[in-house]
């Protein structure tokens, strides 16, 4: 499948799931498994270690260092034979590491959607709402809220760009599995502490892949096979 066809397919898939989760109760059904109604607590405390370090603080630092290493390679070792051979793939990875968290973070500002912990269903004050809806006029919103899509997992899903760095099918499959594991590990952790619904992470994954494809299309100019 060409990059252009993948872009169209991913966009349609993204649109479908935005609508699907908006009109279904799947998110709530999944999230209910992570909330103890007897204690009104999430099954994982957000301050509990080593989970916070592994899935939040630690992985964020590793991803920043990873992106920085690609920047160093491009700036200081661009004449190196190996760097030249993988130049386009490195640029795609670096741009993805920068643009995906930036775009997802920007969307969070405008969607103004609550986290599970903020919804009345789980003891919060925000009513459940669809991404395309406004809050009821009777609801006095305390402040702007930024929970949709999942920002934390966007850094992990940016690693999907490694698909365009490697040459062999085996390596491409391996890095896709690695990126999905890291992205979903970060996303599931945030679900367990009440910060995101399942759909938040799924939408971030699809959006990240769409951005990667758009970057790859720009870099390769349709010459990628």
N, C-alpha and C. Protein backbone atom coordinates (compact mmCIF):
# COMPACT_ATOMS: atom_id res chain seq x y z
N UNK A 1 0.85 -1.20 0.00
CA UNK A 1 0.00 0.00 0.00
C UNK A 1 0.88 1.25 0.00
N UNK A 2 0.62 2.19 -0.91
CA UNK A 2 1.40 3.42 -0.98
C UNK A 2 1.16 4.27 0.25
N UNK A 3 2.06 5.22 0.47
CA UNK A 3 1.91 6.12 1.62
C UNK A 3 0.60 6.90 1.52
N UNK A 4 0.26 7.33 0.32
CA UNK A 4 -0.98 8.09 0.14
C UNK A 4 -2.20 7.27 0.53
N UNK A 5 -2.24 6.02 0.12
CA UNK A 5 -3.36 5.14 0.47
C UNK A 5 -3.39 4.87 1.97
N UNK A 6 -2.21 4.72 2.59
CA UNK A 6 -2.15 4.51 4.03
C UNK A 6 -2.67 5.74 4.77
N UNK A 7 -2.36 6.92 4.26
CA UNK A 7 -2.85 8.16 4.87
C UNK A 7 -4.37 8.21 4.84
N UNK A 8 -4.94 7.92 3.68
CA UNK A 8 -6.40 7.94 3.54
C UNK A 8 -7.04 6.90 4.45
N UNK A 9 -6.49 5.68 4.46
CA UNK A 9 -7.04 4.60 5.29
C UNK A 9 -6.96 4.95 6.78
N UNK A 10 -5.81 5.48 7.21
CA UNK A 10 -5.64 5.83 8.63
C UNK A 10 -6.57 6.97 9.03
N UNK A 11 -6.75 7.95 8.14
CA UNK A 11 -7.67 9.06 8.42
C UNK A 11 -9.10 8.56 8.59
N UNK A 12 -9.52 7.64 7.71
CA UNK A 12 -10.87 7.09 7.80
C UNK A 12 -11.05 6.28 9.08
N UNK A 13 -10.00 5.51 9.43
CA UNK A 13 -10.04 4.71 10.65
C UNK A 13 -10.12 5.62 11.87
N UNK A 14 -9.35 6.68 11.86
CA UNK A 14 -9.36 7.64 12.96
C UNK A 14 -10.74 8.27 13.11
N UNK A 15 -11.32 8.67 12.00
CA UNK A 15 -12.66 9.28 12.02
C UNK A 15 -13.70 8.31 12.53
N UNK A 16 -13.60 7.05 12.10
CA UNK A 16 -14.55 6.03 12.53
C UNK A 16 -14.51 5.85 14.05
N UNK A 17 -13.30 5.75 14.62
CA UNK A 17 -13.20 5.48 16.05
C UNK A 17 -13.59 6.71 16.89
N UNK A 18 -13.36 7.90 16.38
CA UNK A 18 -13.84 9.09 17.09
C UNK A 18 -15.36 9.03 17.24
N UNK A 19 -16.04 8.68 16.15
CA UNK A 19 -17.49 8.56 16.17
C UNK A 19 -17.95 7.36 16.99
N UNK A 20 -17.26 6.23 16.82
CA UNK A 20 -17.65 5.00 17.51
C UNK A 20 -17.63 5.17 19.02
N UNK A 21 -16.54 5.72 19.54
CA UNK A 21 -16.45 5.89 20.99
C UNK A 21 -17.35 7.03 21.48
N UNK A 22 -17.65 7.98 20.60
CA UNK A 22 -18.55 9.04 20.98
C UNK A 22 -19.97 8.56 21.18
N UNK A 23 -20.37 7.55 20.40
CA UNK A 23 -21.75 7.06 20.47
C UNK A 23 -21.89 5.75 21.24
N UNK A 24 -20.81 5.24 21.80
CA UNK A 24 -20.88 3.98 22.55
C UNK A 24 -20.47 4.21 24.00
N UNK A 25 -20.68 3.20 24.81
CA UNK A 25 -20.30 3.29 26.23
C UNK A 25 -19.09 2.40 26.53
N UNK A 26 -18.36 2.00 25.50
CA UNK A 26 -17.21 1.11 25.66
C UNK A 26 -16.19 1.70 26.62
N UNK A 27 -15.90 2.98 26.47
CA UNK A 27 -14.90 3.62 27.34
C UNK A 27 -15.25 3.43 28.81
N UNK A 28 -16.49 3.70 29.15
CA UNK A 28 -16.92 3.60 30.55
C UNK A 28 -16.87 2.15 31.04
N UNK A 29 -17.26 1.23 30.17
CA UNK A 29 -17.25 -0.19 30.55
C UNK A 29 -15.83 -0.67 30.83
N UNK A 30 -14.88 -0.23 30.03
CA UNK A 30 -13.49 -0.61 30.24
C UNK A 30 -12.95 0.06 31.50
N UNK A 31 -13.20 1.35 31.64
CA UNK A 31 -12.64 2.12 32.74
C UNK A 31 -13.18 1.69 34.10
N UNK A 32 -14.41 1.19 34.13
CA UNK A 32 -15.00 0.72 35.38
C UNK A 32 -14.15 -0.37 36.04
N UNK A 33 -13.41 -1.13 35.25
CA UNK A 33 -12.57 -2.20 35.78
C UNK A 33 -11.37 -1.67 36.56
N UNK A 34 -11.06 -0.40 36.39
CA UNK A 34 -9.88 0.17 37.04
C UNK A 34 -10.23 1.05 38.22
N UNK A 35 -11.51 1.07 38.60
CA UNK A 35 -11.96 1.94 39.69
C UNK A 35 -12.64 1.12 40.77
N UNK A 36 -12.22 1.32 42.01
CA UNK A 36 -12.82 0.62 43.15
C UNK A 36 -13.91 1.52 43.74
N UNK A 37 -15.15 1.14 43.50
CA UNK A 37 -16.26 1.97 43.95
C UNK A 37 -16.45 1.95 45.46
N UNK A 38 -15.90 0.94 46.11
CA UNK A 38 -16.04 0.85 47.57
C UNK A 38 -15.11 1.84 48.28
N UNK A 39 -13.95 2.08 47.69
CA UNK A 39 -12.98 3.02 48.29
C UNK A 39 -12.88 4.33 47.51
N UNK A 40 -13.52 4.35 46.34
CA UNK A 40 -13.45 5.52 45.46
C UNK A 40 -12.00 5.85 45.09
N UNK A 41 -11.24 4.79 44.83
CA UNK A 41 -9.85 4.94 44.44
C UNK A 41 -9.58 4.18 43.15
N UNK A 42 -8.61 4.67 42.37
CA UNK A 42 -8.17 3.93 41.19
C UNK A 42 -7.25 2.81 41.64
N UNK A 43 -7.19 1.75 40.87
CA UNK A 43 -6.46 0.56 41.33
C UNK A 43 -4.96 0.78 41.42
N UNK A 44 -4.45 1.81 40.76
CA UNK A 44 -3.03 2.17 40.90
C UNK A 44 -2.95 3.63 41.36
N UNK A 45 -2.25 3.85 42.45
CA UNK A 45 -2.03 5.20 42.96
C UNK A 45 -1.01 5.90 42.06
N UNK A 46 -1.29 7.13 41.67
CA UNK A 46 -0.41 7.84 40.74
C UNK A 46 0.99 8.10 41.30
N UNK A 47 1.13 8.04 42.62
CA UNK A 47 2.44 8.27 43.23
C UNK A 47 3.16 6.97 43.56
N UNK A 48 2.53 5.84 43.25
CA UNK A 48 3.11 4.55 43.60
C UNK A 48 4.33 4.25 42.74
N UNK A 49 5.43 3.88 43.40
CA UNK A 49 6.65 3.50 42.72
C UNK A 49 6.83 1.98 42.75
N UNK A 50 7.52 1.39 41.79
CA UNK A 50 8.31 2.04 40.73
C UNK A 50 7.51 2.38 39.48
N UNK A 51 6.18 2.18 39.54
CA UNK A 51 5.36 2.35 38.33
C UNK A 51 5.41 3.78 37.79
N UNK A 52 5.39 4.76 38.69
CA UNK A 52 5.43 6.15 38.24
C UNK A 52 6.73 6.44 37.50
N UNK A 53 7.84 5.93 38.03
CA UNK A 53 9.13 6.17 37.40
C UNK A 53 9.21 5.43 36.06
N UNK A 54 8.79 4.18 36.04
CA UNK A 54 8.90 3.36 34.82
C UNK A 54 8.01 3.90 33.72
N UNK A 55 6.75 4.14 34.03
CA UNK A 55 5.78 4.46 32.98
C UNK A 55 5.51 5.95 32.80
N UNK A 56 6.10 6.79 33.67
CA UNK A 56 5.87 8.23 33.50
C UNK A 56 7.18 9.02 33.45
N UNK A 57 7.79 9.25 34.59
CA UNK A 57 8.99 10.09 34.64
C UNK A 57 10.16 9.49 33.85
N UNK A 58 10.44 8.22 34.11
CA UNK A 58 11.59 7.58 33.48
C UNK A 58 11.49 7.49 31.98
N UNK A 59 10.35 7.01 31.49
CA UNK A 59 10.18 6.81 30.05
C UNK A 59 10.18 8.15 29.32
N UNK A 60 9.66 9.21 29.94
CA UNK A 60 9.69 10.53 29.32
C UNK A 60 11.12 11.00 29.10
N UNK A 61 11.97 10.79 30.11
CA UNK A 61 13.37 11.21 30.00
C UNK A 61 14.10 10.40 28.93
N UNK A 62 13.81 9.11 28.86
CA UNK A 62 14.45 8.25 27.87
C UNK A 62 14.06 8.68 26.45
N UNK A 63 12.79 8.99 26.24
CA UNK A 63 12.32 9.42 24.92
C UNK A 63 12.92 10.76 24.51
N UNK A 64 13.09 11.67 25.46
CA UNK A 64 13.73 12.95 25.17
C UNK A 64 15.18 12.74 24.78
N UNK A 65 15.89 11.90 25.52
CA UNK A 65 17.29 11.60 25.20
C UNK A 65 17.41 10.90 23.85
N UNK A 66 16.45 10.04 23.56
CA UNK A 66 16.43 9.33 22.28
C UNK A 66 16.31 10.32 21.12
N UNK A 67 15.36 11.25 21.23
CA UNK A 67 15.18 12.25 20.18
C UNK A 67 16.41 13.15 20.07
N UNK A 68 16.99 13.50 21.21
CA UNK A 68 18.17 14.36 21.22
C UNK A 68 19.34 13.68 20.52
N UNK A 69 19.48 12.37 20.71
CA UNK A 69 20.57 11.63 20.06
C UNK A 69 20.44 11.66 18.54
N UNK A 70 19.20 11.63 18.04
CA UNK A 70 18.98 11.72 16.60
C UNK A 70 19.33 13.12 16.08
N UNK A 71 19.03 14.13 16.88
CA UNK A 71 19.38 15.50 16.51
C UNK A 71 20.89 15.66 16.44
N UNK A 72 21.60 15.12 17.43
CA UNK A 72 23.06 15.18 17.46
C UNK A 72 23.65 14.47 16.23
N UNK A 73 23.08 13.31 15.90
CA UNK A 73 23.57 12.56 14.74
C UNK A 73 23.43 13.36 13.45
N UNK A 74 22.28 14.04 13.30
CA UNK A 74 22.05 14.83 12.09
C UNK A 74 22.94 16.06 12.01
N UNK A 75 23.17 16.70 13.14
CA UNK A 75 23.93 17.96 13.16
C UNK A 75 25.44 17.73 13.10
N UNK A 76 25.93 16.78 13.90
CA UNK A 76 27.37 16.62 14.05
C UNK A 76 27.98 15.46 13.25
N UNK A 77 27.14 14.52 12.83
CA UNK A 77 27.68 13.35 12.12
C UNK A 77 27.01 13.15 10.77
N UNK A 78 26.51 14.24 10.18
CA UNK A 78 25.76 14.13 8.93
C UNK A 78 26.60 13.63 7.76
N UNK A 79 27.95 13.77 7.85
CA UNK A 79 28.82 13.31 6.76
C UNK A 79 29.23 11.85 6.92
N UNK A 80 28.86 11.28 8.06
CA UNK A 80 29.16 9.86 8.30
C UNK A 80 28.41 8.99 7.29
N UNK A 81 29.07 7.96 6.80
CA UNK A 81 28.49 7.10 5.77
C UNK A 81 27.18 6.46 6.23
N UNK A 82 27.14 5.96 7.45
CA UNK A 82 25.93 5.33 7.98
C UNK A 82 24.79 6.33 8.15
N UNK A 83 25.14 7.50 8.64
CA UNK A 83 24.12 8.53 8.83
C UNK A 83 23.54 8.95 7.49
N UNK A 84 24.40 9.07 6.48
CA UNK A 84 23.92 9.43 5.14
C UNK A 84 22.97 8.38 4.59
N UNK A 85 23.29 7.11 4.85
CA UNK A 85 22.47 6.01 4.33
C UNK A 85 21.08 6.01 4.95
N UNK A 86 20.98 6.48 6.18
CA UNK A 86 19.69 6.48 6.89
C UNK A 86 19.17 7.89 7.12
N UNK A 87 19.65 8.83 6.35
CA UNK A 87 19.35 10.25 6.57
C UNK A 87 17.86 10.54 6.60
N UNK A 88 17.12 10.07 5.60
CA UNK A 88 15.70 10.37 5.52
C UNK A 88 14.93 9.75 6.69
N UNK A 89 15.29 8.52 7.03
CA UNK A 89 14.63 7.85 8.15
C UNK A 89 14.88 8.58 9.46
N UNK A 90 16.10 9.07 9.66
CA UNK A 90 16.44 9.81 10.87
C UNK A 90 15.64 11.10 10.95
N UNK A 91 15.51 11.79 9.82
CA UNK A 91 14.72 13.04 9.79
C UNK A 91 13.27 12.76 10.14
N UNK A 92 12.71 11.68 9.61
CA UNK A 92 11.31 11.32 9.90
C UNK A 92 11.13 11.04 11.39
N UNK A 93 12.07 10.30 11.98
CA UNK A 93 11.98 9.99 13.41
C UNK A 93 12.08 11.26 14.25
N UNK A 94 13.02 12.13 13.90
CA UNK A 94 13.21 13.36 14.67
C UNK A 94 12.00 14.28 14.56
N UNK A 95 11.48 14.47 13.35
CA UNK A 95 10.30 15.32 13.17
C UNK A 95 9.08 14.74 13.89
N UNK A 96 8.96 13.42 13.85
CA UNK A 96 7.84 12.76 14.55
C UNK A 96 7.94 12.97 16.06
N UNK A 97 9.15 12.85 16.60
CA UNK A 97 9.36 13.01 18.05
C UNK A 97 9.01 14.42 18.50
N UNK A 98 9.15 15.40 17.59
CA UNK A 98 8.84 16.79 17.92
C UNK A 98 7.37 17.11 17.66
N UNK A 99 6.90 16.76 16.46
CA UNK A 99 5.57 17.20 16.03
C UNK A 99 4.42 16.44 16.68
N UNK A 100 4.58 15.14 16.90
CA UNK A 100 3.46 14.36 17.44
C UNK A 100 3.06 14.83 18.84
N UNK A 101 3.98 14.92 19.80
CA UNK A 101 3.57 15.45 21.12
C UNK A 101 3.06 16.89 21.03
N UNK A 102 3.66 17.70 20.14
CA UNK A 102 3.24 19.09 20.00
C UNK A 102 1.81 19.18 19.47
N UNK A 103 1.49 18.41 18.43
CA UNK A 103 0.14 18.45 17.85
C UNK A 103 -0.89 17.87 18.80
N UNK A 104 -0.57 16.73 19.42
CA UNK A 104 -1.50 16.13 20.38
C UNK A 104 -1.74 17.08 21.55
N UNK A 105 -0.67 17.71 22.04
CA UNK A 105 -0.81 18.67 23.13
C UNK A 105 -1.68 19.85 22.74
N UNK A 106 -1.55 20.30 21.50
CA UNK A 106 -2.38 21.40 21.01
C UNK A 106 -3.84 21.01 20.92
N UNK A 107 -4.10 19.79 20.46
CA UNK A 107 -5.47 19.31 20.36
C UNK A 107 -6.12 19.20 21.73
N UNK A 108 -5.35 18.78 22.73
CA UNK A 108 -5.88 18.66 24.08
C UNK A 108 -6.43 19.99 24.58
N UNK A 109 -5.78 21.06 24.16
CA UNK A 109 -6.19 22.40 24.59
C UNK A 109 -7.57 22.75 24.03
N UNK A 110 -7.82 22.33 22.78
CA UNK A 110 -9.06 22.73 22.12
C UNK A 110 -10.22 21.76 22.33
N UNK A 111 -9.93 20.49 22.62
CA UNK A 111 -11.02 19.53 22.83
C UNK A 111 -11.73 19.76 24.16
N UNK A 112 -10.97 20.23 25.18
CA UNK A 112 -11.56 20.59 26.47
C UNK A 112 -12.37 19.43 27.05
N UNK A 113 -11.80 18.22 26.98
CA UNK A 113 -12.47 17.01 27.47
C UNK A 113 -11.91 16.57 28.81
N UNK A 114 -12.76 16.07 29.71
CA UNK A 114 -12.29 15.65 31.03
C UNK A 114 -11.61 14.28 31.02
N UNK A 115 -10.80 14.07 32.03
CA UNK A 115 -10.23 12.75 32.30
C UNK A 115 -11.30 11.92 33.02
N UNK A 116 -11.14 10.60 33.07
CA UNK A 116 -12.08 9.79 33.85
C UNK A 116 -12.23 10.29 35.29
N UNK A 117 -11.09 10.62 35.92
CA UNK A 117 -11.11 11.05 37.33
C UNK A 117 -11.92 12.33 37.53
N UNK A 118 -12.11 13.10 36.44
CA UNK A 118 -12.84 14.36 36.54
C UNK A 118 -14.34 14.21 36.34
N UNK A 119 -14.77 13.06 35.80
CA UNK A 119 -16.19 12.88 35.49
C UNK A 119 -17.00 12.50 36.73
N UNK A 120 -18.25 12.91 36.74
CA UNK A 120 -19.13 12.66 37.88
C UNK A 120 -19.28 11.16 38.16
N UNK A 121 -19.18 10.34 37.13
CA UNK A 121 -19.30 8.89 37.28
C UNK A 121 -18.24 8.34 38.23
N UNK A 122 -17.10 9.02 38.30
CA UNK A 122 -16.00 8.56 39.16
C UNK A 122 -15.71 9.56 40.29
N UNK A 123 -16.70 10.36 40.63
CA UNK A 123 -16.56 11.26 41.77
C UNK A 123 -16.08 12.65 41.44
N UNK A 124 -15.95 12.96 40.14
CA UNK A 124 -15.53 14.29 39.74
C UNK A 124 -16.72 15.22 39.58
N UNK A 125 -16.50 16.35 38.91
CA UNK A 125 -17.58 17.34 38.76
C UNK A 125 -17.98 17.54 37.30
N UNK A 126 -17.22 16.95 36.37
CA UNK A 126 -17.51 17.16 34.94
C UNK A 126 -18.50 16.12 34.41
N UNK A 127 -19.49 16.57 33.64
CA UNK A 127 -20.40 15.61 33.01
C UNK A 127 -19.71 14.93 31.83
N UNK A 128 -20.14 13.74 31.52
CA UNK A 128 -19.60 13.03 30.35
C UNK A 128 -20.08 13.75 29.08
N UNK A 129 -19.18 13.91 28.12
CA UNK A 129 -19.55 14.63 26.91
C UNK A 129 -18.79 14.07 25.71
N UNK A 130 -19.32 14.30 24.54
CA UNK A 130 -18.64 13.88 23.31
C UNK A 130 -17.68 14.98 22.87
N UNK A 131 -16.68 14.59 22.10
CA UNK A 131 -15.64 15.54 21.72
C UNK A 131 -16.18 16.69 20.89
N UNK A 132 -17.29 16.46 20.17
CA UNK A 132 -17.85 17.52 19.32
C UNK A 132 -18.95 18.32 20.02
N UNK A 133 -19.21 18.00 21.29
CA UNK A 133 -20.28 18.68 22.03
C UNK A 133 -19.73 19.74 22.98
N UNK A 134 -20.56 20.68 23.32
CA UNK A 134 -20.24 21.64 24.37
C UNK A 134 -20.84 21.13 25.68
N UNK A 135 -20.35 21.62 26.80
CA UNK A 135 -20.93 21.23 28.07
C UNK A 135 -22.32 21.83 28.22
N UNK A 136 -23.19 21.19 28.99
CA UNK A 136 -24.53 21.75 29.21
C UNK A 136 -24.44 23.17 29.78
N UNK A 137 -25.38 24.01 29.40
CA UNK A 137 -25.35 25.42 29.84
C UNK A 137 -25.44 25.54 31.36
N UNK A 138 -26.05 24.56 32.00
CA UNK A 138 -26.19 24.62 33.46
C UNK A 138 -24.89 24.25 34.18
N UNK A 139 -23.92 23.71 33.43
CA UNK A 139 -22.65 23.31 34.04
C UNK A 139 -21.68 24.48 34.04
N UNK A 140 -21.22 24.85 35.22
CA UNK A 140 -20.27 25.94 35.37
C UNK A 140 -18.87 25.34 35.42
N UNK A 141 -18.19 25.34 34.29
CA UNK A 141 -16.88 24.70 34.19
C UNK A 141 -15.86 25.42 35.06
N UNK A 142 -15.22 24.70 36.00
CA UNK A 142 -14.24 25.32 36.92
C UNK A 142 -13.06 25.95 36.17
N UNK A 143 -12.55 25.22 35.16
CA UNK A 143 -11.40 25.71 34.39
C UNK A 143 -11.28 24.87 33.13
N UNK A 144 -10.49 25.35 32.19
CA UNK A 144 -10.24 24.58 30.97
C UNK A 144 -9.54 23.28 31.34
N UNK A 145 -9.90 22.22 30.66
CA UNK A 145 -9.33 20.90 31.00
C UNK A 145 -8.78 20.25 29.75
N UNK A 146 -7.68 19.49 29.91
CA UNK A 146 -6.95 18.98 28.75
C UNK A 146 -6.65 17.49 28.92
N UNK A 147 -7.62 16.66 28.54
CA UNK A 147 -7.43 15.22 28.73
C UNK A 147 -7.62 14.38 27.47
N UNK A 148 -7.90 15.02 26.34
CA UNK A 148 -8.18 14.25 25.12
C UNK A 148 -7.55 14.92 23.92
N UNK A 149 -6.77 14.17 23.14
CA UNK A 149 -6.38 12.76 23.31
C UNK A 149 -5.26 12.58 24.35
N UNK A 150 -4.66 11.41 24.40
CA UNK A 150 -3.67 11.10 25.44
C UNK A 150 -2.30 11.68 25.08
N UNK A 151 -1.90 12.70 25.82
CA UNK A 151 -0.64 13.37 25.53
C UNK A 151 0.59 12.57 25.93
N UNK A 152 0.54 11.93 27.09
CA UNK A 152 1.70 11.19 27.59
C UNK A 152 2.11 10.08 26.63
N UNK A 153 1.15 9.32 26.15
CA UNK A 153 1.43 8.19 25.26
C UNK A 153 1.91 8.63 23.88
N UNK A 154 1.70 9.90 23.54
CA UNK A 154 2.08 10.37 22.21
C UNK A 154 3.58 10.24 21.97
N UNK A 155 4.37 10.43 23.02
CA UNK A 155 5.82 10.27 22.89
C UNK A 155 6.21 8.84 22.56
N UNK A 156 5.51 7.89 23.16
CA UNK A 156 5.77 6.48 22.85
C UNK A 156 5.34 6.12 21.45
N UNK A 157 4.17 6.60 21.04
CA UNK A 157 3.67 6.28 19.70
C UNK A 157 4.45 7.01 18.60
N UNK A 158 5.18 8.06 18.97
CA UNK A 158 6.05 8.72 17.98
C UNK A 158 7.13 7.75 17.49
N UNK A 159 7.41 6.73 18.28
CA UNK A 159 8.40 5.73 17.88
C UNK A 159 7.93 4.87 16.71
N UNK A 160 6.66 4.97 16.35
CA UNK A 160 6.17 4.27 15.16
C UNK A 160 6.92 4.75 13.92
N UNK A 161 7.51 5.92 14.00
CA UNK A 161 8.28 6.47 12.89
C UNK A 161 9.53 5.65 12.59
N UNK A 162 9.97 4.83 13.55
CA UNK A 162 11.14 3.97 13.32
C UNK A 162 10.90 2.99 12.18
N UNK A 163 9.63 2.79 11.83
CA UNK A 163 9.28 1.94 10.69
C UNK A 163 10.01 2.41 9.43
N UNK A 164 10.17 3.72 9.28
CA UNK A 164 10.80 4.28 8.08
C UNK A 164 12.31 4.41 8.20
N UNK A 165 12.85 4.02 9.35
CA UNK A 165 14.30 4.06 9.53
C UNK A 165 14.96 2.76 9.09
N UNK A 166 14.27 1.65 9.35
CA UNK A 166 14.86 0.35 9.05
C UNK A 166 14.50 -0.13 7.65
N UNK A 167 15.31 -1.04 7.13
CA UNK A 167 15.18 -1.46 5.74
C UNK A 167 14.44 -2.78 5.55
N UNK A 168 14.72 -3.76 6.43
CA UNK A 168 14.15 -5.09 6.24
C UNK A 168 12.77 -5.20 6.88
N UNK A 169 11.96 -6.08 6.34
CA UNK A 169 10.61 -6.29 6.86
C UNK A 169 10.65 -6.75 8.32
N UNK A 170 11.59 -7.64 8.64
CA UNK A 170 11.71 -8.15 10.01
C UNK A 170 11.96 -7.02 11.00
N UNK A 171 12.90 -6.15 10.67
CA UNK A 171 13.21 -5.04 11.56
C UNK A 171 12.07 -4.04 11.67
N UNK A 172 11.36 -3.82 10.56
CA UNK A 172 10.22 -2.93 10.57
C UNK A 172 9.13 -3.45 11.51
N UNK A 173 8.86 -4.76 11.43
CA UNK A 173 7.85 -5.36 12.30
C UNK A 173 8.28 -5.27 13.76
N UNK A 174 9.57 -5.51 14.02
CA UNK A 174 10.07 -5.48 15.39
C UNK A 174 9.94 -4.09 16.01
N UNK A 175 10.29 -3.05 15.24
CA UNK A 175 10.22 -1.70 15.82
C UNK A 175 8.77 -1.23 15.96
N UNK A 176 7.89 -1.71 15.09
CA UNK A 176 6.47 -1.38 15.25
C UNK A 176 5.93 -1.99 16.54
N UNK A 177 6.30 -3.24 16.79
CA UNK A 177 5.86 -3.91 18.02
C UNK A 177 6.44 -3.22 19.25
N UNK A 178 7.71 -2.80 19.14
CA UNK A 178 8.34 -2.08 20.25
C UNK A 178 7.62 -0.77 20.53
N UNK A 179 7.35 0.00 19.46
CA UNK A 179 6.68 1.29 19.61
C UNK A 179 5.28 1.12 20.20
N UNK A 180 4.55 0.12 19.71
CA UNK A 180 3.20 -0.13 20.22
C UNK A 180 3.24 -0.55 21.69
N UNK A 181 4.23 -1.35 22.05
CA UNK A 181 4.36 -1.80 23.44
C UNK A 181 4.64 -0.62 24.37
N UNK A 182 5.55 0.25 23.95
CA UNK A 182 5.88 1.42 24.77
C UNK A 182 4.69 2.38 24.84
N UNK A 183 4.09 2.67 23.70
CA UNK A 183 2.95 3.59 23.67
C UNK A 183 1.79 3.09 24.51
N UNK A 184 1.45 1.83 24.35
CA UNK A 184 0.33 1.28 25.11
C UNK A 184 0.68 1.08 26.58
N UNK A 185 1.96 0.79 26.86
CA UNK A 185 2.37 0.70 28.27
C UNK A 185 2.16 2.03 28.97
N UNK A 186 2.55 3.11 28.31
CA UNK A 186 2.36 4.45 28.86
C UNK A 186 0.87 4.79 28.95
N UNK A 187 0.12 4.41 27.92
CA UNK A 187 -1.31 4.71 27.89
C UNK A 187 -2.10 3.94 28.94
N UNK A 188 -1.80 2.66 29.09
CA UNK A 188 -2.53 1.84 30.06
C UNK A 188 -2.23 2.31 31.49
N UNK A 189 -0.99 2.70 31.74
CA UNK A 189 -0.66 3.24 33.07
C UNK A 189 -1.55 4.43 33.40
N UNK A 190 -1.73 5.32 32.41
CA UNK A 190 -2.57 6.50 32.64
C UNK A 190 -4.04 6.12 32.81
N UNK A 191 -4.46 5.02 32.20
CA UNK A 191 -5.81 4.53 32.42
C UNK A 191 -5.97 4.01 33.84
N UNK A 192 -4.95 3.31 34.34
CA UNK A 192 -5.01 2.70 35.66
C UNK A 192 -5.04 3.73 36.79
N UNK A 193 -4.53 4.94 36.50
CA UNK A 193 -4.56 5.98 37.54
C UNK A 193 -5.69 6.99 37.30
N UNK A 194 -6.53 6.70 36.30
CA UNK A 194 -7.72 7.52 36.08
C UNK A 194 -7.53 8.74 35.21
N UNK A 195 -6.41 8.80 34.49
CA UNK A 195 -6.13 9.98 33.68
C UNK A 195 -6.67 9.90 32.25
N UNK A 196 -6.93 8.69 31.75
CA UNK A 196 -7.40 8.56 30.37
C UNK A 196 -8.33 7.37 30.20
N UNK A 197 -9.25 7.53 29.25
CA UNK A 197 -10.06 6.41 28.79
C UNK A 197 -9.29 5.65 27.71
N UNK A 198 -9.76 4.45 27.41
CA UNK A 198 -9.14 3.63 26.37
C UNK A 198 -9.10 4.36 25.03
N UNK A 199 -10.19 5.03 24.69
CA UNK A 199 -10.27 5.71 23.39
C UNK A 199 -9.24 6.83 23.28
N UNK A 200 -8.89 7.47 24.38
CA UNK A 200 -7.91 8.55 24.35
C UNK A 200 -6.58 8.04 23.80
N UNK A 201 -6.19 6.86 24.26
CA UNK A 201 -4.92 6.28 23.82
C UNK A 201 -5.01 5.75 22.40
N UNK A 202 -6.13 5.12 22.07
CA UNK A 202 -6.30 4.59 20.71
C UNK A 202 -6.28 5.72 19.69
N UNK A 203 -6.97 6.82 19.98
CA UNK A 203 -6.99 7.96 19.07
C UNK A 203 -5.60 8.54 18.92
N UNK A 204 -4.85 8.62 20.01
CA UNK A 204 -3.48 9.11 19.95
C UNK A 204 -2.61 8.22 19.07
N UNK A 205 -2.78 6.92 19.20
CA UNK A 205 -2.01 5.99 18.38
C UNK A 205 -2.27 6.21 16.89
N UNK A 206 -3.54 6.29 16.52
CA UNK A 206 -3.91 6.48 15.11
C UNK A 206 -3.46 7.85 14.61
N UNK A 207 -3.61 8.86 15.44
CA UNK A 207 -3.19 10.20 15.06
C UNK A 207 -1.68 10.26 14.87
N UNK A 208 -0.95 9.59 15.77
CA UNK A 208 0.51 9.55 15.66
C UNK A 208 0.95 8.90 14.35
N UNK A 209 0.32 7.78 14.01
CA UNK A 209 0.67 7.08 12.77
C UNK A 209 0.31 7.94 11.56
N UNK A 210 -0.79 8.64 11.61
CA UNK A 210 -1.18 9.53 10.52
C UNK A 210 -0.14 10.64 10.33
N UNK A 211 0.32 11.21 11.42
CA UNK A 211 1.34 12.27 11.34
C UNK A 211 2.65 11.71 10.79
N UNK A 212 3.02 10.51 11.24
CA UNK A 212 4.24 9.85 10.72
C UNK A 212 4.14 9.68 9.21
N UNK A 213 2.99 9.22 8.74
CA UNK A 213 2.78 9.01 7.31
C UNK A 213 2.86 10.32 6.53
N UNK A 214 2.29 11.37 7.07
CA UNK A 214 2.33 12.67 6.40
C UNK A 214 3.77 13.19 6.32
N UNK A 215 4.52 13.00 7.39
CA UNK A 215 5.93 13.40 7.38
C UNK A 215 6.70 12.58 6.35
N UNK A 216 6.47 11.26 6.34
CA UNK A 216 7.17 10.38 5.40
C UNK A 216 6.84 10.75 3.95
N UNK A 217 5.58 11.08 3.70
CA UNK A 217 5.17 11.48 2.35
C UNK A 217 5.91 12.75 1.92
N UNK A 218 6.04 13.68 2.84
CA UNK A 218 6.75 14.93 2.55
C UNK A 218 8.23 14.68 2.30
N UNK A 219 8.84 13.80 3.10
CA UNK A 219 10.28 13.53 2.98
C UNK A 219 10.60 12.71 1.74
N UNK A 220 9.80 11.69 1.48
CA UNK A 220 10.10 10.79 0.37
C UNK A 220 9.52 11.24 -0.97
N UNK A 221 8.57 12.16 -0.94
CA UNK A 221 7.96 12.63 -2.18
C UNK A 221 7.42 11.48 -3.03
N UNK A 222 6.79 10.52 -2.37
CA UNK A 222 6.18 9.35 -3.03
C UNK A 222 7.20 8.37 -3.61
N UNK A 223 8.48 8.52 -3.27
CA UNK A 223 9.49 7.61 -3.81
C UNK A 223 9.71 6.39 -2.93
N UNK A 224 9.00 6.32 -1.79
CA UNK A 224 9.17 5.22 -0.85
C UNK A 224 8.42 3.99 -1.32
N UNK A 225 9.07 2.82 -1.24
CA UNK A 225 8.44 1.55 -1.58
C UNK A 225 8.39 0.66 -0.36
